[in-house]
Amino acid sequence: MKLAKTVVLAVFFIGCATTQRPDGPGTGGSGPSSSPGAKPAVKKELPWLNVPGGRMKTTLFYGPWQCRREFMNGCQRECASEGHTLKGCMWLADLKFDWEGRLVVLPVPVTAGSRYGIYHCCCYYPELSPEDNAAQRKAWSRFRTSFRKAWSEKFGQWPEQAGVSWPGHHIRDLWHGGDPVDPNNIFPAQPDVHEVYNDQYPACYGGKSPWNTVGPNLPYTDN
């Protein structure tokens, strides 16, 4: 019984996320072992959030890492379907969901978890003009506060650093046509990590290493 997947999908709405691996029963689950040489990821645990039937905790693990084969293949299909060439793929983050509660039909304590990978396909998209890009950023600025509130209600309090909210990262960046107000295109990024994303996107769109090659299945450790 995939309890974890059922519970998470009821509240999960980030469209560019695909299943990395379903964890087994128990908080954190099992899943495959980390690849040789894997290093601890930048991690952020959010507070427990009450949900129907129990409570849920979201943990964010941040890359970027090279895309695993599954993600790279998905990007090849996505870019081809839109008539674009794939230049690279960036595995941006993993979202891990832990759930605990009680089953209605079998009233016993249950714990479960699921993990989802968020990656970006660097298709050869045309760039916006400076004027259009500025307009997109203004749209995001108007949308930002309400989006953070809605996100917090679904996944836990939007993270802050020294009283300042973390930036929201657009998976498909605005410069290359990303929707500035699509909830499925945005997630909270640790400030230093967000700078790395912004630094590395041009290399990914430029077809440069390491984003143009496939990486390991699990490039990080949880701790």
Protein backbone atom coordinates (compact mmCIF):
# COMPACT_ATOMS: atom_id res chain seq x y z
CA MET A 1 0.00 0.00 0.00
CA LYS A 2 1.56 3.31 -1.11
CA LEU A 3 0.20 5.39 1.75
CA ALA A 4 2.98 7.95 1.48
CA LYS A 5 2.37 8.61 -2.20
CA THR A 6 -1.39 8.90 -1.66
CA VAL A 7 -1.05 11.42 1.15
CA VAL A 8 1.59 13.54 -0.54
CA LEU A 9 -0.12 13.76 -3.92
CA ALA A 10 -3.21 15.14 -2.21
CA VAL A 11 -1.32 18.33 -1.38
CA PHE A 12 1.63 18.35 -3.79
CA PHE A 13 1.33 20.78 -6.69
CA ILE A 14 4.82 21.49 -8.04
CA GLY A 15 4.44 20.46 -11.67
CA CYS A 16 8.12 20.20 -12.61
CA ALA A 17 8.74 17.64 -9.90
CA THR A 18 8.82 13.97 -10.71
CA THR A 19 9.12 11.00 -8.42
CA GLN A 20 12.71 10.41 -7.46
CA ARG A 21 11.90 7.36 -5.43
CA PRO A 22 9.00 6.24 -3.22
CA ASP A 23 10.29 5.65 0.30
CA GLY A 24 9.21 2.55 2.17
CA PRO A 25 7.19 2.47 5.39
CA GLY A 26 8.67 4.41 8.28
CA THR A 27 9.75 8.00 8.58
CA GLY A 28 12.30 8.71 5.88
CA GLY A 29 11.79 5.34 4.23
CA SER A 30 14.54 3.31 2.66
CA GLY A 31 15.32 3.94 -1.01
CA PRO A 32 18.64 3.30 -2.77
CA SER A 33 22.01 4.05 -1.22
CA SER A 34 23.84 7.25 -2.08
CA SER A 35 26.35 7.05 -4.92
CA PRO A 36 30.08 6.73 -4.09
CA GLY A 37 31.57 10.11 -3.26
CA ALA A 38 28.19 11.66 -2.44
CA LYS A 39 28.34 14.65 -0.10
CA PRO A 40 25.77 15.97 2.37
CA ALA A 41 23.23 18.26 0.74
CA VAL A 42 22.24 21.69 1.98
CA LYS A 43 19.11 20.81 3.95
CA LYS A 44 16.15 22.69 5.42
CA GLU A 45 13.52 21.02 7.60
CA LEU A 46 10.23 22.87 7.88
CA PRO A 47 7.94 22.65 10.93
CA TRP A 48 5.35 19.89 11.13
CA LEU A 49 2.08 20.85 9.46
CA ASN A 50 -1.32 19.46 10.41
CA VAL A 51 -3.03 17.72 7.47
CA PRO A 52 -6.15 15.52 7.23
CA GLY A 53 -5.54 12.33 9.17
CA GLY A 54 -2.27 13.39 10.77
CA ARG A 55 0.62 15.72 10.19
CA MET A 56 3.30 16.24 7.53
CA LYS A 57 6.84 17.59 7.52
CA THR A 58 8.63 18.91 4.44
CA THR A 59 12.41 18.71 4.14
CA LEU A 60 14.24 20.37 1.26
CA PHE A 61 17.58 19.09 -0.05
CA TYR A 62 19.40 21.45 -2.40
CA GLY A 63 21.73 20.84 -5.34
CA PRO A 64 22.29 21.60 -8.07
CA TRP A 65 23.42 18.18 -9.26
CA GLN A 66 23.79 16.58 -12.65
CA CYS A 67 20.51 15.01 -13.73
CA ARG A 68 20.10 11.29 -13.34
CA ARG A 69 19.28 9.32 -16.50
CA GLU A 70 15.52 9.36 -15.83
CA PHE A 71 15.47 13.16 -15.64
CA MET A 72 17.68 13.65 -18.69
CA ASN A 73 15.44 11.37 -20.75
CA GLY A 74 12.39 13.31 -19.60
CA CYS A 75 14.03 16.55 -20.69
CA GLN A 76 14.86 15.14 -24.11
CA ARG A 77 11.20 14.31 -24.62
CA GLU A 78 10.01 17.66 -23.27
CA CYS A 79 12.31 19.76 -25.44
CA ALA A 80 11.57 17.68 -28.55
CA SER A 81 7.81 18.01 -28.00
CA GLU A 82 8.19 21.80 -28.08
CA GLY A 83 10.49 21.80 -31.10
CA HIS A 84 13.60 22.77 -29.15
CA THR A 85 17.04 21.23 -28.71
CA LEU A 86 18.05 20.04 -25.23
CA LYS A 87 21.23 21.80 -24.10
CA GLY A 88 21.44 20.48 -20.54
CA CYS A 89 19.59 19.40 -17.42
CA MET A 90 19.94 20.58 -13.82
CA TRP A 91 18.65 18.63 -10.83
CA LEU A 92 17.81 21.53 -8.55
CA ALA A 93 16.47 20.02 -5.35
CA ASP A 94 14.62 17.18 -3.66
CA LEU A 95 11.53 17.61 -1.52
CA LYS A 96 11.06 14.94 1.12
CA PHE A 97 7.70 14.53 2.84
CA ASP A 98 7.27 12.67 6.13
CA TRP A 99 3.77 11.85 7.30
CA GLU A 100 2.46 10.38 10.50
CA GLY A 101 -1.12 9.78 11.61
CA ARG A 102 -3.77 7.11 11.93
CA LEU A 103 -5.65 5.08 9.32
CA VAL A 104 -9.43 5.36 9.47
CA VAL A 105 -10.13 1.76 8.45
CA LEU A 106 -7.38 0.44 10.71
CA PRO A 107 -6.92 2.88 13.62
CA VAL A 108 -3.24 2.28 14.32
CA PRO A 109 -0.35 4.77 14.23
CA VAL A 110 1.28 4.98 10.80
CA THR A 111 4.40 6.74 9.51
CA ALA A 112 5.37 7.11 5.87
CA GLY A 113 7.39 9.25 3.51
CA SER A 114 7.93 10.18 -0.13
CA ARG A 115 10.66 12.05 -1.97
CA TYR A 116 10.41 14.04 -5.20
CA GLY A 117 13.10 15.48 -7.45
CA ILE A 118 12.82 18.95 -9.02
CA TYR A 119 14.84 19.42 -12.20
CA HIS A 120 15.07 21.97 -14.99
CA CYS A 121 15.30 21.21 -18.69
CA CYS A 122 17.58 23.73 -20.40
CA CYS A 123 15.85 23.62 -23.76
CA TYR A 124 17.09 26.06 -26.40
CA TYR A 125 14.37 28.60 -25.57
CA PRO A 126 14.51 32.10 -27.06
CA GLU A 127 15.39 34.83 -24.57
CA LEU A 128 12.97 37.62 -23.68
CA SER A 129 13.76 41.22 -24.44
CA PRO A 130 14.96 43.29 -21.45
CA GLU A 131 11.60 45.08 -21.42
CA ASP A 132 9.58 41.85 -21.37
CA ASN A 133 11.85 40.36 -18.72
CA ALA A 134 11.35 43.42 -16.51
CA ALA A 135 7.58 43.11 -16.91
CA GLN A 136 7.72 39.45 -15.85
CA ARG A 137 9.71 40.37 -12.75
CA LYS A 138 7.13 43.00 -11.81
CA ALA A 139 4.39 40.38 -12.12
CA TRP A 140 6.32 38.07 -9.76
CA SER A 141 6.85 40.93 -7.29
CA ARG A 142 3.09 41.52 -7.11
CA PHE A 143 2.38 37.79 -6.69
CA ARG A 144 5.16 36.92 -4.24
CA THR A 145 3.49 37.60 -0.87
CA SER A 146 0.26 35.73 -1.61
CA PHE A 147 2.19 32.83 -3.12
CA ARG A 148 4.40 32.41 -0.06
CA LYS A 149 1.32 32.37 2.16
CA ALA A 150 -0.40 29.72 0.03
CA TRP A 151 2.77 27.61 -0.16
CA SER A 152 3.17 27.76 3.63
CA GLU A 153 -0.36 26.48 4.12
CA LYS A 154 0.40 23.41 2.00
CA PHE A 155 3.99 22.55 2.94
CA GLY A 156 4.97 24.43 6.10
CA GLN A 157 6.24 27.89 6.91
CA TRP A 158 8.16 29.52 4.06
CA PRO A 159 11.79 29.67 5.25
CA GLU A 160 13.45 32.86 6.43
CA GLN A 161 17.00 33.95 7.15
CA ALA A 162 17.56 36.72 9.71
CA GLY A 163 13.90 37.67 9.38
CA VAL A 164 14.04 37.91 5.58
CA SER A 165 12.09 35.46 3.44
CA TRP A 166 14.09 33.14 1.24
CA PRO A 167 13.85 33.93 -2.48
CA GLY A 168 11.44 32.00 -4.63
CA HIS A 169 13.25 30.22 -7.45
CA HIS A 170 11.56 29.92 -10.83
CA ILE A 171 12.34 26.47 -12.20
CA ARG A 172 11.99 27.71 -15.76
CA ASP A 173 13.60 31.10 -15.43
CA LEU A 174 11.82 34.27 -16.48
CA TRP A 175 14.53 35.21 -18.98
CA HIS A 176 13.71 32.07 -20.96
CA GLY A 177 9.93 32.36 -20.81
CA GLY A 178 9.10 30.90 -17.40
CA ASP A 179 5.71 31.86 -15.98
CA PRO A 180 6.31 34.34 -13.12
CA VAL A 181 3.07 33.51 -11.30
CA ASP A 182 2.64 29.78 -11.90
CA PRO A 183 2.78 28.04 -8.48
CA ASN A 184 4.08 24.94 -10.23
CA ASN A 185 7.16 26.87 -11.37
CA ILE A 186 8.37 28.19 -7.99
CA PHE A 187 9.89 26.80 -4.81
CA PRO A 188 11.84 28.36 -1.90
CA ALA A 189 15.61 28.41 -2.37
CA GLN A 190 18.25 28.91 0.31
CA PRO A 191 19.86 32.28 -0.56
CA ASP A 192 23.38 30.99 -1.24
CA VAL A 193 21.99 28.10 -3.29
CA HIS A 194 19.82 30.52 -5.25
CA GLU A 195 22.96 32.40 -6.27
CA VAL A 196 24.51 29.14 -7.48
CA TYR A 197 21.39 28.42 -9.54
CA ASN A 198 21.58 31.83 -11.16
CA ASP A 199 25.29 31.41 -11.86
CA GLN A 200 24.89 27.95 -13.41
CA TYR A 201 21.77 28.44 -15.56
CA PRO A 202 23.76 30.15 -18.37
CA ALA A 203 26.18 27.20 -18.46
CA CYS A 204 23.27 24.77 -18.68
CA TYR A 205 21.66 26.72 -21.53
CA GLY A 206 25.07 26.91 -23.16
CA GLY A 207 25.38 23.12 -23.24
CA LYS A 208 28.42 23.17 -20.96
CA SER A 209 29.74 20.57 -18.54
CA PRO A 210 28.58 19.14 -16.20
CA TRP A 211 24.97 19.89 -17.12
CA ASN A 212 25.18 18.26 -20.56
CA THR A 213 25.97 14.81 -19.14
CA VAL A 214 24.15 12.31 -16.93
CA GLY A 215 25.03 12.07 -13.24
CA PRO A 216 24.50 9.45 -10.51
CA ASN A 217 21.10 8.26 -9.33
CA LEU A 218 21.53 9.70 -5.84
CA PRO A 219 24.32 12.30 -5.67
CA TYR A 220 23.93 13.36 -2.03
CA THR A 221 23.49 12.09 1.51
CA ASP A 222 20.75 13.20 3.89
CA ASN A 223 23.05 14.12 6.77
